[in-house]
Amino acid sequence: MNSSFIEKCINGDASLDEIDNYIDEWHDSDSDMSLELHEFLGMTWEEYSLWVVKPRFLAWIINARRKGVISSEEKFKQESQPLAARSYSTKESLQSINWLKSIGKI
């Protein structure tokens, strides 16, 4: 399999603003694609869910992968303390709450 979008970003072979091109490639593929979009992009389901709600977190996802930081899902499992979230607006707060509910974290 060719390198994923995430792998190419980590290696410096793709830039963040090229993600739409990769999504188009997935949609336009004539082959029998057995990969879900998040798999094609090289994201875990959690990373993809976060990116869909907060596209600006794409750089964070790639940086975390580059540095070998454990996924936030595993971090959630390891944490015994509650986490605090901050946002810039009420709308953003509600989106974050809805996302956390959708992935079963609250």
PDB file of N, CA and C in Angstrom:
ATOM      1  N   MET A   1       0.842  -1.181   0.000  1.00  0.00           N
ATOM      2  CA  MET A   1       0.000   0.000   0.000  1.00  0.00           C
ATOM      3  C   MET A   1       0.887   1.244   0.000  1.00  0.00           C
ATOM      4  N   ASN A   2       0.460   2.254  -0.703  1.00  0.00           N
ATOM      5  CA  ASN A   2       1.180   3.521  -0.711  1.00  0.00           C
ATOM      6  C   ASN A   2       1.104   4.171   0.657  1.00  0.00           C
ATOM      7  N   SER A   3       1.998   5.101   0.884  1.00  0.00           N
ATOM      8  CA  SER A   3       1.971   5.837   2.147  1.00  0.00           C
ATOM      9  C   SER A   3       0.674   6.615   2.267  1.00  0.00           C
ATOM     10  N   SER A   4       0.182   6.703   3.482  1.00  0.00           N
ATOM     11  CA  SER A   4      -1.042   7.461   3.728  1.00  0.00           C
ATOM     12  C   SER A   4      -0.732   8.951   3.778  1.00  0.00           C
ATOM     13  N   PHE A   5      -1.770   9.744   3.788  1.00  0.00           N
ATOM     14  CA  PHE A   5      -1.623  11.188   3.913  1.00  0.00           C
ATOM     15  C   PHE A   5      -0.856  11.542   5.185  1.00  0.00           C
ATOM     16  N   ILE A   6      -1.222  10.932   6.307  1.00  0.00           N
ATOM     17  CA  ILE A   6      -0.555  11.221   7.577  1.00  0.00           C
ATOM     18  C   ILE A   6       0.922  10.869   7.487  1.00  0.00           C
ATOM     19  N   GLU A   7       1.253   9.701   6.952  1.00  0.00           N
ATOM     20  CA  GLU A   7       2.656   9.304   6.812  1.00  0.00           C
ATOM     21  C   GLU A   7       3.415  10.280   5.921  1.00  0.00           C
ATOM     22  N   LYS A   8       2.780  10.708   4.835  1.00  0.00           N
ATOM     23  CA  LYS A   8       3.439  11.661   3.934  1.00  0.00           C
ATOM     24  C   LYS A   8       3.668  13.004   4.616  1.00  0.00           C
ATOM     25  N   CYS A   9       2.724  13.440   5.439  1.00  0.00           N
ATOM     26  CA  CYS A   9       2.918  14.692   6.192  1.00  0.00           C
ATOM     27  C   CYS A   9       4.074  14.557   7.177  1.00  0.00           C
ATOM     28  N   ILE A  10       4.127  13.439   7.864  1.00  0.00           N
ATOM     29  CA  ILE A  10       5.202  13.208   8.828  1.00  0.00           C
ATOM     30  C   ILE A  10       6.559  13.223   8.131  1.00  0.00           C
ATOM     31  N   ASN A  11       6.616  12.633   6.943  1.00  0.00           N
ATOM     32  CA  ASN A  11       7.869  12.558   6.187  1.00  0.00           C
ATOM     33  C   ASN A  11       8.175  13.829   5.400  1.00  0.00           C
ATOM     34  N   GLY A  12       7.256  14.793   5.408  1.00  0.00           N
ATOM     35  CA  GLY A  12       7.466  16.038   4.676  1.00  0.00           C
ATOM     36  C   GLY A  12       7.134  15.943   3.198  1.00  0.00           C
ATOM     37  N   ASP A  13       6.426  14.883   2.799  1.00  0.00           N
ATOM     38  CA  ASP A  13       6.065  14.690   1.400  1.00  0.00           C
ATOM     39  C   ASP A  13       4.686  15.233   1.054  1.00  0.00           C
ATOM     40  N   ALA A  14       3.960  15.725   2.035  1.00  0.00           N
ATOM     41  CA  ALA A  14       2.637  16.332   1.823  1.00  0.00           C
ATOM     42  C   ALA A  14       2.465  17.426   2.860  1.00  0.00           C
ATOM     43  N   SER A  15       1.619  18.391   2.541  1.00  0.00           N
ATOM     44  CA  SER A  15       1.330  19.465   3.491  1.00  0.00           C
ATOM     45  C   SER A  15      -0.112  19.335   3.974  1.00  0.00           C
ATOM     46  N   LEU A  16      -0.385  19.971   5.096  1.00  0.00           N
ATOM     47  CA  LEU A  16      -1.712  19.875   5.709  1.00  0.00           C
ATOM     48  C   LEU A  16      -2.827  20.300   4.757  1.00  0.00           C
ATOM     49  N   ASP A  17      -2.564  21.316   3.959  1.00  0.00           N
ATOM     50  CA  ASP A  17      -3.617  21.827   3.079  1.00  0.00           C
ATOM     51  C   ASP A  17      -3.905  20.908   1.895  1.00  0.00           C
ATOM     52  N   GLU A  18      -3.205  19.787   1.786  1.00  0.00           N
ATOM     53  CA  GLU A  18      -3.458  18.828   0.702  1.00  0.00           C
ATOM     54  C   GLU A  18      -4.481  17.760   1.081  1.00  0.00           C
ATOM     55  N   ILE A  19      -5.001  17.809   2.293  1.00  0.00           N
ATOM     56  CA  ILE A  19      -5.903  16.747   2.738  1.00  0.00           C
ATOM     57  C   ILE A  19      -7.129  16.609   1.828  1.00  0.00           C
ATOM     58  N   ASP A  20      -7.652  17.723   1.332  1.00  0.00           N
ATOM     59  CA  ASP A  20      -8.818  17.647   0.440  1.00  0.00           C
ATOM     60  C   ASP A  20      -8.500  16.873  -0.832  1.00  0.00           C
ATOM     61  N   ASN A  21      -7.271  16.979  -1.324  1.00  0.00           N
ATOM     62  CA  ASN A  21      -6.863  16.220  -2.510  1.00  0.00           C
ATOM     63  C   ASN A  21      -6.915  14.716  -2.229  1.00  0.00           C
ATOM     64  N   TYR A  22      -6.488  14.324  -1.047  1.00  0.00           N
ATOM     65  CA  TYR A  22      -6.514  12.910  -0.673  1.00  0.00           C
ATOM     66  C   TYR A  22      -7.949  12.419  -0.493  1.00  0.00           C
ATOM     67  N   ILE A  23      -8.798  13.261   0.060  1.00  0.00           N
ATOM     68  CA  ILE A  23     -10.211  12.893   0.203  1.00  0.00           C
ATOM     69  C   ILE A  23     -10.838  12.728  -1.172  1.00  0.00           C
ATOM     70  N   ASP A  24     -10.539  13.642  -2.090  1.00  0.00           N
ATOM     71  CA  ASP A  24     -11.037  13.520  -3.467  1.00  0.00           C
ATOM     72  C   ASP A  24     -10.548  12.231  -4.108  1.00  0.00           C
ATOM     73  N   GLU A  25      -9.277  11.902  -3.879  1.00  0.00           N
ATOM     74  CA  GLU A  25      -8.707  10.670  -4.440  1.00  0.00           C
ATOM     75  C   GLU A  25      -9.464   9.452  -3.920  1.00  0.00           C
ATOM     76  N   TRP A  26      -9.806   9.443  -2.629  1.00  0.00           N
ATOM     77  CA  TRP A  26     -10.558   8.339  -2.052  1.00  0.00           C
ATOM     78  C   TRP A  26     -11.946   8.236  -2.682  1.00  0.00           C
ATOM     79  N   HIS A  27     -12.610   9.391  -2.861  1.00  0.00           N
ATOM     80  CA  HIS A  27     -13.946   9.394  -3.459  1.00  0.00           C
ATOM     81  C   HIS A  27     -13.915   8.982  -4.932  1.00  0.00           C
ATOM     82  N   ASP A  28     -12.886   9.396  -5.653  1.00  0.00           N
ATOM     83  CA  ASP A  28     -12.806   9.162  -7.099  1.00  0.00           C
ATOM     84  C   ASP A  28     -12.210   7.815  -7.470  1.00  0.00           C
ATOM     85  N   SER A  29     -11.751   7.069  -6.523  1.00  0.00           N
ATOM     86  CA  SER A  29     -11.079   5.808  -6.807  1.00  0.00           C
ATOM     87  C   SER A  29     -12.030   4.834  -7.484  1.00  0.00           C
ATOM     88  N   ASP A  30     -11.566   4.269  -8.595  1.00  0.00           N
ATOM     89  CA  ASP A  30     -12.359   3.277  -9.325  1.00  0.00           C
ATOM     90  C   ASP A  30     -12.153   1.872  -8.770  1.00  0.00           C
ATOM     91  N   SER A  31     -11.075   1.705  -8.029  1.00  0.00           N
ATOM     92  CA  SER A  31     -10.796   0.375  -7.487  1.00  0.00           C
ATOM     93  C   SER A  31     -11.744   0.064  -6.339  1.00  0.00           C
ATOM     94  N   ASP A  32     -11.815  -1.195  -6.000  1.00  0.00           N
ATOM     95  CA  ASP A  32     -12.665  -1.624  -4.888  1.00  0.00           C
ATOM     96  C   ASP A  32     -11.979  -1.249  -3.590  1.00  0.00           C
ATOM     97  N   MET A  33     -12.313  -0.074  -3.087  1.00  0.00           N
ATOM     98  CA  MET A  33     -11.671   0.420  -1.876  1.00  0.00           C
ATOM     99  C   MET A  33     -12.296  -0.256  -0.665  1.00  0.00           C
ATOM    100  N   SER A  34     -11.500  -1.039   0.018  1.00  0.00           N
ATOM    101  CA  SER A  34     -11.989  -1.690   1.223  1.00  0.00           C
ATOM    102  C   SER A  34     -11.659  -0.861   2.456  1.00  0.00           C
ATOM    103  N   LEU A  35     -10.965   0.257   2.266  1.00  0.00           N
ATOM    104  CA  LEU A  35     -10.586   1.113   3.383  1.00  0.00           C
ATOM    105  C   LEU A  35     -11.628   2.189   3.635  1.00  0.00           C
ATOM    106  N   GLU A  36     -11.909   2.425   4.888  1.00  0.00           N
ATOM    107  CA  GLU A  36     -12.722   3.575   5.270  1.00  0.00           C
ATOM    108  C   GLU A  36     -11.861   4.816   5.046  1.00  0.00           C
ATOM    109  N   LEU A  37     -12.491   5.984   4.969  1.00  0.00           N
ATOM    110  CA  LEU A  37     -11.747   7.215   4.708  1.00  0.00           C
ATOM    111  C   LEU A  37     -10.667   7.452   5.759  1.00  0.00           C
ATOM    112  N   HIS A  38     -10.990   7.259   7.025  1.00  0.00           N
ATOM    113  CA  HIS A  38      -9.978   7.512   8.065  1.00  0.00           C
ATOM    114  C   HIS A  38      -8.771   6.593   7.902  1.00  0.00           C
ATOM    115  N   GLU A  39      -9.008   5.344   7.478  1.00  0.00           N
ATOM    116  CA  GLU A  39      -7.908   4.413   7.244  1.00  0.00           C
ATOM    117  C   GLU A  39      -7.080   4.849   6.035  1.00  0.00           C
ATOM    118  N   PHE A  40      -7.756   5.276   4.988  1.00  0.00           N
ATOM    119  CA  PHE A  40      -7.078   5.743   3.784  1.00  0.00           C
ATOM    120  C   PHE A  40      -6.170   6.939   4.094  1.00  0.00           C
ATOM    121  N   LEU A  41      -6.665   7.832   4.947  1.00  0.00           N
ATOM    122  CA  LEU A  41      -5.874   9.005   5.326  1.00  0.00           C
ATOM    123  C   LEU A  41      -4.752   8.645   6.297  1.00  0.00           C
ATOM    124  N   GLY A  42      -4.861   7.484   6.952  1.00  0.00           N
ATOM    125  CA  GLY A  42      -3.847   7.056   7.902  1.00  0.00           C
ATOM    126  C   GLY A  42      -4.140   7.480   9.328  1.00  0.00           C
ATOM    127  N   MET A  43      -5.413   7.774   9.604  1.00  0.00           N
ATOM    128  CA  MET A  43      -5.814   8.208  10.940  1.00  0.00           C
ATOM    129  C   MET A  43      -6.508   7.078  11.680  1.00  0.00           C
ATOM    130  N   THR A  44      -6.396   7.115  12.994  1.00  0.00           N
ATOM    131  CA  THR A  44      -7.240   6.240  13.803  1.00  0.00           C
ATOM    132  C   THR A  44      -8.652   6.833  13.753  1.00  0.00           C
ATOM    133  N   TRP A  45      -9.627   6.054  14.202  1.00  0.00           N
ATOM    134  CA  TRP A  45     -10.996   6.582  14.229  1.00  0.00           C
ATOM    135  C   TRP A  45     -11.080   7.791  15.159  1.00  0.00           C
ATOM    136  N   GLU A  46     -10.374   7.718  16.274  1.00  0.00           N
ATOM    137  CA  GLU A  46     -10.400   8.821  17.226  1.00  0.00           C
ATOM    138  C   GLU A  46      -9.796  10.089  16.607  1.00  0.00           C
ATOM    139  N   GLU A  47      -8.654   9.950  15.932  1.00  0.00           N
ATOM    140  CA  GLU A  47      -8.023  11.102  15.291  1.00  0.00           C
ATOM    141  C   GLU A  47      -8.946  11.706  14.241  1.00  0.00           C
ATOM    142  N   TYR A  48      -9.564  10.845  13.452  1.00  0.00           N
ATOM    143  CA  TYR A  48     -10.479  11.298  12.410  1.00  0.00           C
ATOM    144  C   TYR A  48     -11.669  12.034  13.031  1.00  0.00           C
ATOM    145  N   SER A  49     -12.224  11.472  14.096  1.00  0.00           N
ATOM    146  CA  SER A  49     -13.364  12.106  14.771  1.00  0.00           C
ATOM    147  C   SER A  49     -12.998  13.482  15.296  1.00  0.00           C
ATOM    148  N   LEU A  50     -11.817  13.585  15.831  1.00  0.00           N
ATOM    149  CA  LEU A  50     -11.342  14.872  16.345  1.00  0.00           C
ATOM    150  C   LEU A  50     -11.146  15.856  15.200  1.00  0.00           C
ATOM    151  N   TRP A  51     -10.525  15.415  14.122  1.00  0.00           N
ATOM    152  CA  TRP A  51     -10.265  16.279  12.972  1.00  0.00           C
ATOM    153  C   TRP A  51     -11.571  16.773  12.336  1.00  0.00           C
ATOM    154  N   VAL A  52     -12.570  15.909  12.237  1.00  0.00           N
ATOM    155  CA  VAL A  52     -13.849  16.302  11.628  1.00  0.00           C
ATOM    156  C   VAL A  52     -14.494  17.434  12.426  1.00  0.00           C
ATOM    157  N   VAL A  53     -14.422  17.352  13.747  1.00  0.00           N
ATOM    158  CA  VAL A  53     -15.016  18.379  14.595  1.00  0.00           C
ATOM    159  C   VAL A  53     -14.126  19.619  14.657  1.00  0.00           C
ATOM    160  N   LYS A  54     -12.825  19.422  14.683  1.00  0.00           N
ATOM    161  CA  LYS A  54     -11.856  20.518  14.828  1.00  0.00           C
ATOM    162  C   LYS A  54     -10.756  20.380  13.779  1.00  0.00           C
ATOM    163  N   PRO A  55     -11.008  20.797  12.545  1.00  0.00           N
ATOM    164  CA  PRO A  55     -10.006  20.638  11.486  1.00  0.00           C
ATOM    165  C   PRO A  55      -8.642  21.238  11.820  1.00  0.00           C
ATOM    166  N   ARG A  56      -8.625  22.260  12.659  1.00  0.00           N
ATOM    167  CA  ARG A  56      -7.340  22.876  12.994  1.00  0.00           C
ATOM    168  C   ARG A  56      -6.458  21.939  13.821  1.00  0.00           C
ATOM    169  N   PHE A  57      -7.018  20.855  14.350  1.00  0.00           N
ATOM    170  CA  PHE A  57      -6.243  19.901  15.139  1.00  0.00           C
ATOM    171  C   PHE A  57      -5.425  18.948  14.271  1.00  0.00           C
ATOM    172  N   LEU A  58      -5.543  19.063  12.962  1.00  0.00           N
ATOM    173  CA  LEU A  58      -4.767  18.193  12.087  1.00  0.00           C
ATOM    174  C   LEU A  58      -3.272  18.331  12.360  1.00  0.00           C
ATOM    175  N   ALA A  59      -2.806  19.542  12.538  1.00  0.00           N
ATOM    176  CA  ALA A  59      -1.384  19.759  12.836  1.00  0.00           C
ATOM    177  C   ALA A  59      -1.009  19.084  14.153  1.00  0.00           C
ATOM    178  N   TRP A  60      -1.894  19.143  15.147  1.00  0.00           N
ATOM    179  CA  TRP A  60      -1.642  18.496  16.431  1.00  0.00           C
ATOM    180  C   TRP A  60      -1.546  16.984  16.270  1.00  0.00           C
ATOM    181  N   ILE A  61      -2.449  16.414  15.475  1.00  0.00           N
ATOM    182  CA  ILE A  61      -2.456  14.967  15.240  1.00  0.00           C
ATOM    183  C   ILE A  61      -1.137  14.531  14.614  1.00  0.00           C
ATOM    184  N   ILE A  62      -0.707  15.263  13.597  1.00  0.00           N
ATOM    185  CA  ILE A  62       0.536  14.908  12.905  1.00  0.00           C
ATOM    186  C   ILE A  62       1.737  15.103  13.817  1.00  0.00           C
ATOM    187  N   ASN A  63       1.750  16.179  14.564  1.00  0.00           N
ATOM    188  CA  ASN A  63       2.859  16.424  15.483  1.00  0.00           C
ATOM    189  C   ASN A  63       2.927  15.349  16.565  1.00  0.00           C
ATOM    190  N   ALA A  64       1.788  14.945  17.082  1.00  0.00           N
ATOM    191  CA  ALA A  64       1.759  13.889  18.098  1.00  0.00           C
ATOM    192  C   ALA A  64       2.298  12.590  17.525  1.00  0.00           C
ATOM    193  N   ARG A  65       1.908  12.265  16.299  1.00  0.00           N
ATOM    194  CA  ARG A  65       2.421  11.054  15.645  1.00  0.00           C
ATOM    195  C   ARG A  65       3.920  11.156  15.412  1.00  0.00           C
ATOM    196  N   ARG A  66       4.356  12.320  14.963  1.00  0.00           N
ATOM    197  CA  ARG A  66       5.778  12.536  14.673  1.00  0.00           C
ATOM    198  C   ARG A  66       6.617  12.330  15.928  1.00  0.00           C
ATOM    199  N   LYS A  67       6.105  12.786  17.068  1.00  0.00           N
ATOM    200  CA  LYS A  67       6.838  12.690  18.324  1.00  0.00           C
ATOM    201  C   LYS A  67       6.598  11.370  19.054  1.00  0.00           C
ATOM    202  N   GLY A  68       5.738  10.523  18.486  1.00  0.00           N
ATOM    203  CA  GLY A  68       5.465   9.238  19.111  1.00  0.00           C
ATOM    204  C   GLY A  68       4.644   9.334  20.374  1.00  0.00           C
ATOM    205  N   VAL A  69       3.855  10.399  20.488  1.00  0.00           N
ATOM    206  CA  VAL A  69       2.997  10.579  21.650  1.00  0.00           C
ATOM    207  C   VAL A  69       1.864   9.577  21.551  1.00  0.00           C
ATOM    208  N   ILE A  70       1.510   8.969  22.682  1.00  0.00           N
ATOM    209  CA  ILE A  70       0.413   8.006  22.652  1.00  0.00           C
ATOM    210  C   ILE A  70      -0.875   8.718  22.264  1.00  0.00           C
ATOM    211  N   SER A  71      -1.775   7.977  21.691  1.00  0.00           N
ATOM    212  CA  SER A  71      -3.037   8.573  21.269  1.00  0.00           C
ATOM    213  C   SER A  71      -3.784   9.101  22.476  1.00  0.00           C
ATOM    214  N   SER A  72      -4.574  10.110  22.262  1.00  0.00           N
ATOM    215  CA  SER A  72      -5.327  10.668  23.375  1.00  0.00           C
ATOM    216  C   SER A  72      -6.339   9.659  23.907  1.00  0.00           C
ATOM    217  N   GLU A  73      -6.781   8.708  23.070  1.00  0.00           N
ATOM    218  CA  GLU A  73      -7.701   7.675  23.551  1.00  0.00           C
ATOM    219  C   GLU A  73      -6.999   6.827  24.612  1.00  0.00           C
ATOM    220  N   GLU A  74      -5.762   6.428  24.350  1.00  0.00           N
ATOM    221  CA  GLU A  74      -5.022   5.658  25.339  1.00  0.00           C
ATOM    222  C   GLU A  74      -4.715   6.516  26.554  1.00  0.00           C
ATOM    223  N   LYS A  75      -4.445   7.788  26.331  1.00  0.00           N
ATOM    224  CA  LYS A  75      -4.185   8.702  27.434  1.00  0.00           C
ATOM    225  C   LYS A  75      -5.427   8.804  28.320  1.00  0.00           C
ATOM    226  N   PHE A  76      -6.626   8.899  27.678  1.00  0.00           N
ATOM    227  CA  PHE A  76      -7.872   8.936  28.447  1.00  0.00           C
ATOM    228  C   PHE A  76      -7.976   7.698  29.345  1.00  0.00           C
ATOM    229  N   LYS A  77      -7.636   6.552  28.797  1.00  0.00           N
ATOM    230  CA  LYS A  77      -7.745   5.310  29.556  1.00  0.00           C
ATOM    231  C   LYS A  77      -6.775   5.288  30.728  1.00  0.00           C
ATOM    232  N   GLN A  78      -5.621   5.935  30.568  1.00  0.00           N
ATOM    233  CA  GLN A  78      -4.602   5.921  31.610  1.00  0.00           C
ATOM    234  C   GLN A  78      -4.853   6.971  32.688  1.00  0.00           C
ATOM    235  N   GLU A  79      -5.578   8.002  32.363  1.00  0.00           N
ATOM    236  CA  GLU A  79      -5.790   9.104  33.300  1.00  0.00           C
ATOM    237  C   GLU A  79      -6.773   8.704  34.391  1.00  0.00           C
ATOM    238  N   SER A  80      -6.436   9.030  35.614  1.00  0.00           N
ATOM    239  CA  SER A  80      -7.385   8.805  36.695  1.00  0.00           C
ATOM    240  C   SER A  80      -8.022  10.111  37.132  1.00  0.00           C
ATOM    241  N   GLN A  81      -7.465  11.231  36.674  1.00  0.00           N
ATOM    242  CA  GLN A  81      -7.978  12.551  37.003  1.00  0.00           C
ATOM    243  C   GLN A  81      -8.914  13.023  35.891  1.00  0.00           C
ATOM    244  N   PRO A  82      -9.965  13.758  36.232  1.00  0.00           N
ATOM    245  CA  PRO A  82     -10.819  14.340  35.192  1.00  0.00           C
ATOM    246  C   PRO A  82     -10.040  15.387  34.396  1.00  0.00           C
ATOM    247  N   LEU A  83     -10.409  15.536  33.134  1.00  0.00           N
ATOM    248  CA  LEU A  83      -9.753  16.502  32.261  1.00  0.00           C
ATOM    249  C   LEU A  83     -10.616  17.747  32.119  1.00  0.00           C
ATOM    250  N   ALA A  84      -9.986  18.888  31.958  1.00  0.00           N
ATOM    251  CA  ALA A  84     -10.699  20.140  31.722  1.00  0.00           C
ATOM    252  C   ALA A  84     -10.510  20.532  30.264  1.00  0.00           C
ATOM    253  N   ALA A  85     -11.545  21.053  29.672  1.00  0.00           N
ATOM    254  CA  ALA A  85     -11.466  21.506  28.282  1.00  0.00           C
ATOM    255  C   ALA A  85     -11.747  22.999  28.240  1.00  0.00           C
ATOM    256  N   ARG A  86     -11.062  23.673  27.349  1.00  0.00           N
ATOM    257  CA  ARG A  86     -11.272  25.113  27.165  1.00  0.00           C
ATOM    258  C   ARG A  86     -11.647  25.346  25.701  1.00  0.00           C
ATOM    259  N   SER A  87     -12.405  26.392  25.472  1.00  0.00           N
ATOM    260  CA  SER A  87     -12.744  26.751  24.095  1.00  0.00           C
ATOM    261  C   SER A  87     -12.872  28.253  23.992  1.00  0.00           C
ATOM    262  N   TYR A  88     -12.962  28.703  22.758  1.00  0.00           N
ATOM    263  CA  TYR A  88     -13.048  30.135  22.491  1.00  0.00           C
ATOM    264  C   TYR A  88     -14.481  30.661  22.482  1.00  0.00           C
ATOM    265  N   SER A  89     -15.448  29.753  22.362  1.00  0.00           N
ATOM    266  CA  SER A  89     -16.829  30.212  22.292  1.00  0.00           C
ATOM    267  C   SER A  89     -17.764  29.152  22.865  1.00  0.00           C
ATOM    268  N   THR A  90     -18.993  29.564  23.131  1.00  0.00           N
ATOM    269  CA  THR A  90     -20.001  28.635  23.615  1.00  0.00           C
ATOM    270  C   THR A  90     -20.290  27.571  22.565  1.00  0.00           C
ATOM    271  N   LYS A  91     -20.349  27.977  21.314  1.00  0.00           N
ATOM    272  CA  LYS A  91     -20.616  27.030  20.231  1.00  0.00           C
ATOM    273  C   LYS A  91     -19.526  25.963  20.182  1.00  0.00           C
ATOM    274  N   GLU A  92     -18.282  26.395  20.296  1.00  0.00           N
ATOM    275  CA  GLU A  92     -17.160  25.456  20.272  1.00  0.00           C
ATOM    276  C   GLU A  92     -17.223  24.520  21.477  1.00  0.00           C
ATOM    277  N   SER A  93     -17.615  25.038  22.626  1.00  0.00           N
ATOM    278  CA  SER A  93     -17.762  24.209  23.832  1.00  0.00           C
ATOM    279  C   SER A  93     -18.821  23.136  23.618  1.00  0.00           C
ATOM    280  N   LEU A  94     -19.959  23.522  23.064  1.00  0.00           N
ATOM    281  CA  LEU A  94     -21.028  22.562  22.811  1.00  0.00           C
ATOM    282  C   LEU A  94     -20.609  21.503  21.798  1.00  0.00           C
ATOM    283  N   GLN A  95     -19.844  21.899  20.774  1.00  0.00           N
ATOM    284  CA  GLN A  95     -19.341  20.931  19.802  1.00  0.00           C
ATOM    285  C   GLN A  95     -18.414  19.934  20.482  1.00  0.00           C
ATOM    286  N   SER A  96     -17.558  20.422  21.351  1.00  0.00           N
ATOM    287  CA  SER A  96     -16.633  19.541  22.076  1.00  0.00           C
ATOM    288  C   SER A  96     -17.396  18.575  22.971  1.00  0.00           C
ATOM    289  N   ILE A  97     -18.389  19.071  23.679  1.00  0.00           N
ATOM    290  CA  ILE A  97     -19.194  18.224  24.553  1.00  0.00           C
ATOM    291  C   ILE A  97     -19.910  17.158  23.738  1.00  0.00           C
ATOM    292  N   ASN A  98     -20.506  17.550  22.615  1.00  0.00           N
ATOM    293  CA  ASN A  98     -21.209  16.587  21.766  1.00  0.00           C
ATOM    294  C   ASN A  98     -20.264  15.532  21.226  1.00  0.00           C
ATOM    295  N   TRP A  99     -19.051  15.959  20.848  1.00  0.00           N
ATOM    296  CA  TRP A  99     -18.069  14.990  20.343  1.00  0.00           C
ATOM    297  C   TRP A  99     -17.671  14.019  21.445  1.00  0.00           C
ATOM    298  N   LEU A 100     -17.390  14.518  22.639  1.00  0.00           N
ATOM    299  CA  LEU A 100     -17.021  13.641  23.747  1.00  0.00           C
ATOM    300  C   LEU A 100     -18.145  12.668  24.073  1.00  0.00           C
ATOM    301  N   LYS A 101     -19.395  13.119  24.003  1.00  0.00           N
ATOM    302  CA  LYS A 101     -20.534  12.221  24.213  1.00  0.00           C
ATOM    303  C   LYS A 101     -20.598  11.162  23.120  1.00  0.00           C
ATOM    304  N   SER A 102     -20.337  11.580  21.869  1.00  0.00           N
ATOM    305  CA  SER A 102     -20.452  10.643  20.747  1.00  0.00           C
ATOM    306  C   SER A 102     -19.415   9.534  20.794  1.00  0.00           C
ATOM    307  N   ILE A 103     -18.269   9.802  21.422  1.00  0.00           N
ATOM    308  CA  ILE A 103     -17.242   8.757  21.527  1.00  0.00           C
ATOM    309  C   ILE A 103     -17.259   8.076  22.893  1.00  0.00           C
ATOM    310  N   GLY A 104     -18.282   8.397  23.701  1.00  0.00           N
ATOM    311  CA  GLY A 104     -18.473   7.727  24.972  1.00  0.00           C
ATOM    312  C   GLY A 104     -17.546   8.142  26.079  1.00  0.00           C
ATOM    313  N   LYS A 105     -16.979   9.335  25.984  1.00  0.00           N
ATOM    314  CA  LYS A 105     -16.075   9.796  27.034  1.00  0.00           C
ATOM    315  C   LYS A 105     -16.815  10.512  28.154  1.00  0.00           C
ATOM    316  N   ILE A 106     -18.030  10.995  27.869  1.00  0.00           N
ATOM    317  CA  ILE A 106     -18.873  11.588  28.920  1.00  0.00           C
ATOM    318  C   ILE A 106     -20.297  11.146  28.697  1.00  0.00           C
TER     319      ILE A 106
END
